[in-house]
């Protein structure tokens, strides 16, 4: 075979890039390559209605995430870390679910790249955690991390970051503790509080001041619902949390947690 023909054959048979997903799950740890995942025996083409990141219906080649979480139990805690440092805190139980809301790892085929997320932006690939029937599990937009680089098994948030904890004298079902759970689900991927957390995006929500100290309650809730309605900033990254995603009762609990933590400030 002539050299240029051989080179052409190699280019046609080789992916445009090699991406890898690192799973740090203890005994089940391993690294998956793009091609391995595309050929996974449980891989299939799925359609996601009203995709959170693309704001339209999308079709993906995807693997049930549960098929990759070897050795993970429902009471475990995971963290999905994106290429840009976004760190989504994820309870394992919903990720292992086979009914109702189901988690999938969408895998970008380099021969069929996904569209960019916005003009001048990359795609959601190479790996993107998506959900079928998310309404059944009350799945938050923060539970759709894209450009995922690794998924790690970690201790629960309260164990890793004691500075986030409400007053330990409060009952487990106290509204403040309910708000703390909502903070972990909806805010901790982008924000720290008292300097605690793995996020690298938004500002600290207690040091030096909590937003409950410089926003009136109604304006803070309005800001959470639609950040651009209060502070118009074209480069802002914070999404709005609609009442479908974060009902009014849950928004009140979240704000209640933030107010409570103003009395528990700890310098980083």
Protein backbone atom coordinates (compact mmCIF):
# COMPACT_ATOMS: atom_id res chain seq x y z
CA UNK A 1 0.00 0.00 0.00
CA UNK A 2 1.35 3.44 -0.92
CA UNK A 3 2.30 5.65 2.05
CA UNK A 4 -0.35 8.34 1.42
CA UNK A 5 -3.07 5.68 1.05
CA UNK A 6 -1.95 4.07 4.32
CA UNK A 7 -2.02 7.46 6.06
CA UNK A 8 -5.53 8.15 4.77
CA UNK A 9 -6.75 4.77 5.99
CA UNK A 10 -5.30 5.46 9.44
CA UNK A 11 -6.96 8.87 9.62
CA UNK A 12 -10.32 7.41 8.70
CA UNK A 13 -10.07 4.69 11.32
CA UNK A 14 -8.72 6.85 14.16
CA UNK A 15 -10.96 9.05 16.38
CA UNK A 16 -10.41 12.80 16.08
CA UNK A 17 -9.41 12.86 19.75
CA UNK A 18 -9.09 10.44 22.64
CA UNK A 19 -11.10 11.35 25.71
CA UNK A 20 -11.18 9.44 28.94
CA UNK A 21 -13.47 9.31 31.94
CA UNK A 22 -11.88 8.52 35.30
CA UNK A 23 -14.06 6.67 37.81
CA UNK A 24 -12.64 6.69 41.35
CA UNK A 25 -15.00 4.29 43.08
CA UNK A 26 -12.71 2.38 45.43
CA UNK A 27 -12.46 -1.25 44.35
CA UNK A 28 -14.46 -0.41 41.22
CA UNK A 29 -12.10 2.33 40.01
CA UNK A 30 -11.12 2.40 36.37
CA UNK A 31 -10.61 4.67 33.37
CA UNK A 32 -12.93 4.46 30.36
CA UNK A 33 -11.96 5.59 26.88
CA UNK A 34 -14.49 7.13 24.47
CA UNK A 35 -14.37 4.18 22.09
CA UNK A 36 -14.87 1.68 24.92
CA UNK A 37 -17.99 3.47 26.08
CA UNK A 38 -19.43 3.82 22.57
CA UNK A 39 -19.04 0.04 22.22
CA UNK A 40 -20.30 -0.77 25.72
CA UNK A 41 -22.79 -3.68 25.59
CA UNK A 42 -25.47 -1.52 27.24
CA UNK A 43 -24.88 1.55 25.05
CA UNK A 44 -27.92 2.71 23.11
CA UNK A 45 -29.25 5.78 21.35
CA UNK A 46 -31.61 7.79 23.54
CA UNK A 47 -33.63 10.96 23.03
CA UNK A 48 -33.69 13.53 25.81
CA UNK A 49 -36.68 15.86 25.73
CA UNK A 50 -35.92 19.52 26.45
CA UNK A 51 -32.28 18.92 27.33
CA UNK A 52 -31.19 21.19 30.21
CA UNK A 53 -28.01 22.42 28.52
CA UNK A 54 -29.14 22.64 24.90
CA UNK A 55 -32.72 23.79 25.63
CA UNK A 56 -34.12 21.45 22.97
CA UNK A 57 -34.58 17.77 22.25
CA UNK A 58 -31.27 15.96 21.80
CA UNK A 59 -30.24 12.48 20.70
CA UNK A 60 -27.22 10.80 22.31
CA UNK A 61 -25.32 7.55 22.31
CA UNK A 62 -25.39 6.77 26.02
CA UNK A 63 -24.73 4.13 28.66
CA UNK A 64 -26.89 3.73 31.80
CA UNK A 65 -24.74 5.31 34.48
CA UNK A 66 -25.64 2.50 36.87
CA UNK A 67 -23.80 0.08 34.58
CA UNK A 68 -20.54 1.94 35.25
CA UNK A 69 -20.87 2.45 39.01
CA UNK A 70 -19.32 -0.85 40.06
CA UNK A 71 -19.53 -1.45 43.79
CA UNK A 72 -21.56 1.69 44.52
CA UNK A 73 -24.48 1.41 46.96
CA UNK A 74 -27.59 3.56 47.21
CA UNK A 75 -26.38 5.31 50.39
CA UNK A 76 -23.02 6.31 48.87
CA UNK A 77 -22.15 9.83 47.78
CA UNK A 78 -20.51 10.78 44.47
CA UNK A 79 -19.03 13.89 42.92
CA UNK A 80 -18.89 14.53 39.17
CA UNK A 81 -16.07 16.92 38.25
CA UNK A 82 -16.09 18.73 34.92
CA UNK A 83 -13.14 19.88 32.85
CA UNK A 84 -13.73 23.47 33.98
CA UNK A 85 -13.83 22.61 37.69
CA UNK A 86 -17.62 22.43 38.13
CA UNK A 87 -18.18 19.85 40.89
CA UNK A 88 -21.68 18.37 41.15
CA UNK A 89 -22.50 16.65 44.44
CA UNK A 90 -24.66 13.60 43.71
CA UNK A 91 -26.43 11.15 45.97
CA UNK A 92 -25.86 7.68 44.56
CA UNK A 93 -29.43 6.38 44.92
CA UNK A 94 -30.96 8.34 41.99
CA UNK A 95 -27.99 7.43 39.78
CA UNK A 96 -28.63 3.71 40.35
CA UNK A 97 -32.34 3.96 39.60
CA UNK A 98 -33.75 1.95 36.68
CA UNK A 99 -37.31 3.25 36.93
CA UNK A 100 -38.67 6.77 36.79
CA UNK A 101 -35.83 9.26 36.40
CA UNK A 102 -32.82 7.41 35.00
CA UNK A 103 -29.26 8.70 34.73
CA UNK A 104 -27.27 8.16 31.53
CA UNK A 105 -23.71 8.93 30.56
CA UNK A 106 -23.95 10.48 27.11
CA UNK A 107 -20.76 9.88 25.11
CA UNK A 108 -19.74 12.25 22.33
CA UNK A 109 -18.63 10.38 19.22
CA UNK A 110 -15.69 12.34 17.76
CA UNK A 111 -16.89 11.37 14.29
CA UNK A 112 -20.29 12.93 15.04
CA UNK A 113 -19.55 15.86 17.38
CA UNK A 114 -22.33 17.55 19.30
CA UNK A 115 -23.17 21.19 18.61
CA UNK A 116 -21.56 23.93 20.70
CA UNK A 117 -23.45 24.99 23.81
CA UNK A 118 -23.35 28.59 22.57
CA UNK A 119 -21.52 30.65 20.01
CA UNK A 120 -17.80 30.41 20.67
CA UNK A 121 -18.32 27.68 23.28
CA UNK A 122 -17.42 23.97 23.16
CA UNK A 123 -19.99 21.19 23.20
CA UNK A 124 -21.26 19.41 26.32
CA UNK A 125 -18.85 16.57 25.58
CA UNK A 126 -16.91 14.47 25.75
CA UNK A 127 -19.11 13.08 28.55
CA UNK A 128 -22.41 14.48 29.80
CA UNK A 129 -24.68 13.19 32.57
CA UNK A 130 -28.25 13.35 31.26
CA UNK A 131 -31.60 12.12 32.60
CA UNK A 132 -34.58 10.47 31.00
CA UNK A 133 -37.89 11.33 32.69
CA UNK A 134 -36.21 13.76 35.12
CA UNK A 135 -39.54 15.08 36.42
CA UNK A 136 -40.17 11.73 38.09
CA UNK A 137 -37.13 12.23 40.32
CA UNK A 138 -37.29 16.00 40.87
CA UNK A 139 -33.89 16.29 39.20
CA UNK A 140 -32.19 19.69 39.44
CA UNK A 141 -30.24 21.33 36.55
CA UNK A 142 -27.14 21.04 38.74
CA UNK A 143 -27.49 17.27 38.44
CA UNK A 144 -26.79 17.50 34.69
CA UNK A 145 -23.01 18.12 34.70
CA UNK A 146 -21.46 18.34 31.24
CA UNK A 147 -17.84 18.06 30.05
CA UNK A 148 -17.41 15.50 32.83
CA UNK A 149 -13.82 14.39 33.44
CA UNK A 150 -14.22 12.20 36.52
CA UNK A 151 -16.74 10.71 38.92
CA UNK A 152 -15.53 10.06 42.46
CA UNK A 153 -16.90 8.28 45.50
CA UNK A 154 -16.51 10.63 48.46
CA UNK A 155 -17.73 11.03 52.01
CA UNK A 156 -20.96 12.96 52.45
CA UNK A 157 -20.76 16.75 52.18
CA UNK A 158 -21.40 17.34 55.89
CA UNK A 159 -18.49 15.04 56.77
CA UNK A 160 -16.07 16.63 54.31
CA UNK A 161 -17.03 20.22 55.09
CA UNK A 162 -18.09 20.72 58.73
CA UNK A 163 -18.16 24.50 58.17
CA UNK A 164 -21.33 24.02 56.08
CA UNK A 165 -23.28 22.35 58.87
CA UNK A 166 -26.19 24.06 60.58
CA UNK A 167 -26.39 24.17 64.37
CA UNK A 168 -26.04 20.53 65.52
CA UNK A 169 -28.73 21.12 68.16
CA UNK A 170 -31.37 21.28 65.40
CA UNK A 171 -33.49 18.20 64.75
CA UNK A 172 -32.73 16.22 61.61
CA UNK A 173 -36.05 17.26 60.07
CA UNK A 174 -35.71 20.94 61.05
CA UNK A 175 -36.44 23.29 58.12
CA UNK A 176 -32.86 24.57 58.29
CA UNK A 177 -31.50 21.07 57.74
CA UNK A 178 -33.94 20.64 54.88
CA UNK A 179 -32.56 23.86 53.42
CA UNK A 180 -29.03 22.52 53.85
CA UNK A 181 -29.95 19.49 51.73
CA UNK A 182 -31.31 21.82 49.04
CA UNK A 183 -28.14 23.92 49.19
CA UNK A 184 -26.06 20.82 48.50
CA UNK A 185 -28.26 19.85 45.57
CA UNK A 186 -28.66 23.24 43.92
CA UNK A 187 -25.83 25.55 45.01
CA UNK A 188 -22.70 23.69 46.10
CA UNK A 189 -21.62 22.83 42.56
CA UNK A 190 -20.82 26.52 41.97
CA UNK A 191 -20.56 28.17 45.40
CA UNK A 192 -18.63 27.74 48.61
CA UNK A 193 -19.86 28.79 52.03
CA UNK A 194 -17.55 29.70 54.92
CA UNK A 195 -14.76 28.86 52.47
CA UNK A 196 -15.92 25.22 52.41
CA UNK A 197 -16.63 23.28 49.24
CA UNK A 198 -14.91 22.24 46.03
CA UNK A 199 -16.55 24.76 43.69
CA UNK A 200 -14.47 27.21 41.69
CA UNK A 201 -17.18 29.35 40.08
CA UNK A 202 -19.44 31.59 42.11
CA UNK A 203 -18.71 33.68 45.20
CA UNK A 204 -18.75 32.41 48.75
CA UNK A 205 -22.30 32.67 50.10
CA UNK A 206 -21.39 33.62 53.68
CA UNK A 207 -17.93 35.20 53.72
CA UNK A 208 -17.66 38.13 54.02
CA UNK A 209 -21.45 38.49 53.69
CA UNK A 210 -24.40 36.26 52.95
CA UNK A 211 -26.71 37.36 50.13
CA UNK A 212 -29.44 37.41 52.77
CA UNK A 213 -27.54 40.35 54.33
CA UNK A 214 -27.42 42.53 51.22
CA UNK A 215 -30.57 41.38 49.40
CA UNK A 216 -34.05 41.85 50.80
CA UNK A 217 -35.74 38.45 51.01
CA UNK A 218 -38.03 39.08 48.05
CA UNK A 219 -35.17 40.35 45.88
CA UNK A 220 -32.97 37.38 46.76
CA UNK A 221 -35.72 34.99 45.75
CA UNK A 222 -36.23 36.98 42.54
CA UNK A 223 -32.51 36.78 41.85
CA UNK A 224 -32.47 33.00 42.32
CA UNK A 225 -35.46 32.67 39.99
CA UNK A 226 -33.94 34.88 37.28
CA UNK A 227 -30.48 36.38 37.94
CA UNK A 228 -30.57 38.55 34.83
CA UNK A 229 -33.78 40.24 35.97
CA UNK A 230 -31.87 41.93 38.80
CA UNK A 231 -28.30 42.20 37.57
CA UNK A 232 -28.00 42.08 33.82
CA UNK A 233 -24.57 40.68 32.99
CA UNK A 234 -23.99 39.04 29.59
CA UNK A 235 -21.11 36.92 30.89
CA UNK A 236 -23.00 35.65 33.96
CA UNK A 237 -23.14 31.88 34.29
CA UNK A 238 -25.71 31.39 37.04
CA UNK A 239 -28.87 29.76 35.72
CA UNK A 240 -32.32 30.68 36.92
CA UNK A 241 -34.18 28.17 39.09
CA UNK A 242 -37.78 27.98 37.98
CA UNK A 243 -40.63 26.98 40.28
CA UNK A 244 -40.70 23.63 38.49
CA UNK A 245 -37.11 22.94 39.51
CA UNK A 246 -37.20 24.67 42.89
CA UNK A 247 -40.78 25.10 44.18
CA UNK A 248 -41.58 28.14 46.33
CA UNK A 249 -41.63 26.04 49.51
CA UNK A 250 -38.13 24.70 48.77
CA UNK A 251 -36.86 28.18 47.86
CA UNK A 252 -38.04 29.38 51.28
CA UNK A 253 -36.15 26.51 52.95
CA UNK A 254 -32.98 27.31 51.00
CA UNK A 255 -33.11 30.98 51.97
CA UNK A 256 -33.79 29.91 55.56
CA UNK A 257 -30.56 27.90 55.58
CA UNK A 258 -28.57 30.85 54.23
CA UNK A 259 -30.06 33.14 56.90
CA UNK A 260 -29.23 30.61 59.60
CA UNK A 261 -25.61 30.40 58.45
CA UNK A 262 -25.08 34.17 58.87
CA UNK A 263 -24.85 33.35 62.57
CA UNK A 264 -22.30 30.59 61.93
CA UNK A 265 -19.64 32.44 59.95
CA UNK A 266 -16.21 30.82 59.90
CA UNK A 267 -13.23 32.37 58.19
CA UNK A 268 -11.57 30.04 55.65
